[in-house]
Amino acid sequence: MADKELWDEVDKSGEKSWAQLSPFLDDVRDLPSFVRFIDALRKDREDADRKEALRSAAPYTSWNGWENGSIANFLEAAVAWATTWTDDSRGDAAHLMADNPWKAAARILYAGKYYE
C-alpha cells in the first residue's frame, strides 16, 4: 500500500511540474524568456532534490518527472531526444526546426529532464 501511495504522489509531482513549467516553455521566444525557462527548470530540479531528500522515490522513478539526475545523463538525454527529432528517417525534423531557435533550444533542454 505504501508503495502505491508513494507512486501516486511521485506521479502527481510530475503532473504538477509540467503544469508549472509548460507556461515558461510556451513563452520562450527570445533570450530573456529562454533564461526565465532555464531558471524555472533549475527550480523544478531543486524541488525534486528536496523531495528526494525527504522521501526517496528511487529506484524506479523520480520526483517531478526527472529521469536524469546527473548533468551528464541530462545532457545525453537532451542530445538523444534532439537527434531523434532531427533524424530524417522519422520525418519530424520540420517540427523542431520550424520553432524559433530559442524555443527549439528550450524544448531540447526540457527533454533532458524526462527522455530516456
Protein backbone atom coordinates (compact mmCIF):
# COMPACT_ATOMS: atom_id res chain seq x y z
CA MET A 1 0.00 0.00 0.00
CA ALA A 2 2.76 2.43 0.90
CA ASP A 3 4.44 1.79 -2.46
CA LYS A 4 1.24 2.63 -4.35
CA GLU A 5 0.76 5.78 -2.30
CA LEU A 6 4.35 6.81 -2.98
CA TRP A 7 3.96 6.02 -6.68
CA ASP A 8 0.77 8.15 -6.86
CA GLU A 9 2.46 11.02 -5.04
CA VAL A 10 5.50 10.90 -7.32
CA ASP A 11 3.26 10.68 -10.40
CA LYS A 12 1.29 13.73 -9.26
CA SER A 13 4.54 15.62 -8.70
CA GLY A 14 5.39 15.06 -12.39
CA GLU A 15 1.99 16.38 -13.48
CA LYS A 16 2.32 19.42 -11.24
CA SER A 17 5.84 20.03 -12.53
CA TRP A 18 4.60 20.01 -16.14
CA ALA A 19 1.77 22.41 -15.24
CA GLN A 20 4.29 24.80 -13.68
CA LEU A 21 6.97 24.54 -16.39
CA SER A 22 4.83 24.47 -19.53
CA PRO A 23 3.91 28.19 -19.42
CA PHE A 24 7.60 29.05 -19.27
CA LEU A 25 8.34 26.70 -22.17
CA ASP A 26 5.41 28.02 -24.20
CA ASP A 27 6.57 31.61 -23.62
CA VAL A 28 10.13 31.14 -24.93
CA ARG A 29 10.71 33.48 -27.86
CA ASP A 30 13.97 35.34 -27.11
CA LEU A 31 16.99 35.33 -24.81
CA PRO A 32 15.24 36.76 -21.70
CA SER A 33 12.34 34.29 -21.94
CA PHE A 34 14.81 31.44 -22.56
CA VAL A 35 16.72 32.38 -19.41
CA ARG A 36 13.43 32.51 -17.43
CA PHE A 37 12.68 28.99 -18.67
CA ILE A 38 16.13 27.73 -17.63
CA ASP A 39 15.63 29.27 -14.19
CA ALA A 40 12.22 27.60 -13.84
CA LEU A 41 13.77 24.28 -14.88
CA ARG A 42 16.50 24.76 -12.25
CA LYS A 43 13.95 25.49 -9.54
CA ASP A 44 11.98 22.41 -10.57
CA ARG A 45 15.13 20.29 -10.19
CA GLU A 46 15.87 21.82 -6.79
CA ASP A 47 12.30 20.99 -5.72
CA ALA A 48 12.76 17.39 -6.91
CA ASP A 49 16.04 17.12 -4.98
CA ARG A 50 14.38 18.50 -1.84
CA LYS A 51 11.53 15.96 -2.14
CA GLU A 52 14.02 13.14 -2.73
CA ALA A 53 15.96 14.11 0.41
CA LEU A 54 12.76 13.91 2.45
CA ARG A 55 11.39 10.72 0.88
CA SER A 56 13.20 8.67 -1.72
CA ALA A 57 11.29 7.78 -4.85
CA ALA A 58 14.10 5.52 -6.09
CA PRO A 59 14.97 3.19 -7.62
CA TYR A 60 12.37 3.07 -10.39
CA THR A 61 11.02 6.59 -10.54
CA SER A 62 11.85 10.16 -9.56
CA TRP A 63 10.18 13.29 -8.25
CA ASN A 64 8.80 15.90 -10.65
CA GLY A 65 9.39 13.64 -13.63
CA TRP A 66 13.17 13.91 -13.54
CA GLU A 67 14.59 10.79 -15.16
CA ASN A 68 18.16 12.04 -15.47
CA GLY A 69 19.82 13.02 -12.21
CA SER A 70 23.35 13.86 -13.29
CA ILE A 71 24.30 16.66 -15.66
CA ALA A 72 25.94 14.09 -17.95
CA ASN A 73 22.78 11.99 -18.15
CA PHE A 74 20.63 15.10 -18.55
CA LEU A 75 22.71 16.35 -21.48
CA GLU A 76 22.96 12.88 -23.02
CA ALA A 77 19.17 12.58 -22.96
CA ALA A 78 18.73 16.07 -24.43
CA VAL A 79 21.09 15.21 -27.29
CA ALA A 80 19.41 11.84 -27.85
CA TRP A 81 15.97 13.49 -27.98
CA ALA A 82 17.16 16.19 -30.38
CA THR A 83 18.90 13.63 -32.57
CA THR A 84 15.73 11.54 -32.72
CA TRP A 85 13.65 14.58 -33.65
CA THR A 86 16.04 15.69 -36.36
CA ASP A 87 16.63 12.22 -37.79
CA ASP A 88 15.36 12.46 -41.38
CA SER A 89 14.08 8.88 -41.27
CA ARG A 90 11.46 9.91 -38.70
CA GLY A 91 10.32 12.90 -40.71
CA ASP A 92 9.86 15.04 -37.60
CA ALA A 93 12.73 17.41 -38.22
CA ALA A 94 10.47 20.09 -39.62
CA HIS A 95 8.56 20.32 -36.33
CA LEU A 96 11.61 21.14 -34.22
CA MET A 97 13.40 23.15 -36.89
CA ALA A 98 10.32 25.28 -37.57
CA ASP A 99 10.44 26.54 -33.98
CA ASN A 100 12.04 29.80 -33.04
CA PRO A 101 15.67 28.79 -32.25
CA TRP A 102 15.25 29.85 -28.61
CA LYS A 103 12.16 27.67 -28.25
CA ALA A 104 13.88 24.76 -30.00
CA ALA A 105 16.77 25.04 -27.53
CA ALA A 106 14.31 25.16 -24.62
CA ARG A 107 12.49 22.06 -25.90
CA ILE A 108 15.81 20.22 -26.15
CA LEU A 109 16.73 21.15 -22.57
CA TYR A 110 13.29 20.18 -21.29
CA ALA A 111 13.63 16.79 -22.99
CA GLY A 112 16.81 16.21 -20.99
CA LYS A 113 14.59 16.07 -17.92
CA TYR A 114 12.43 13.15 -18.99
CA TYR A 115 13.84 11.44 -22.11
CA GLU A 116 15.48 8.06 -21.50
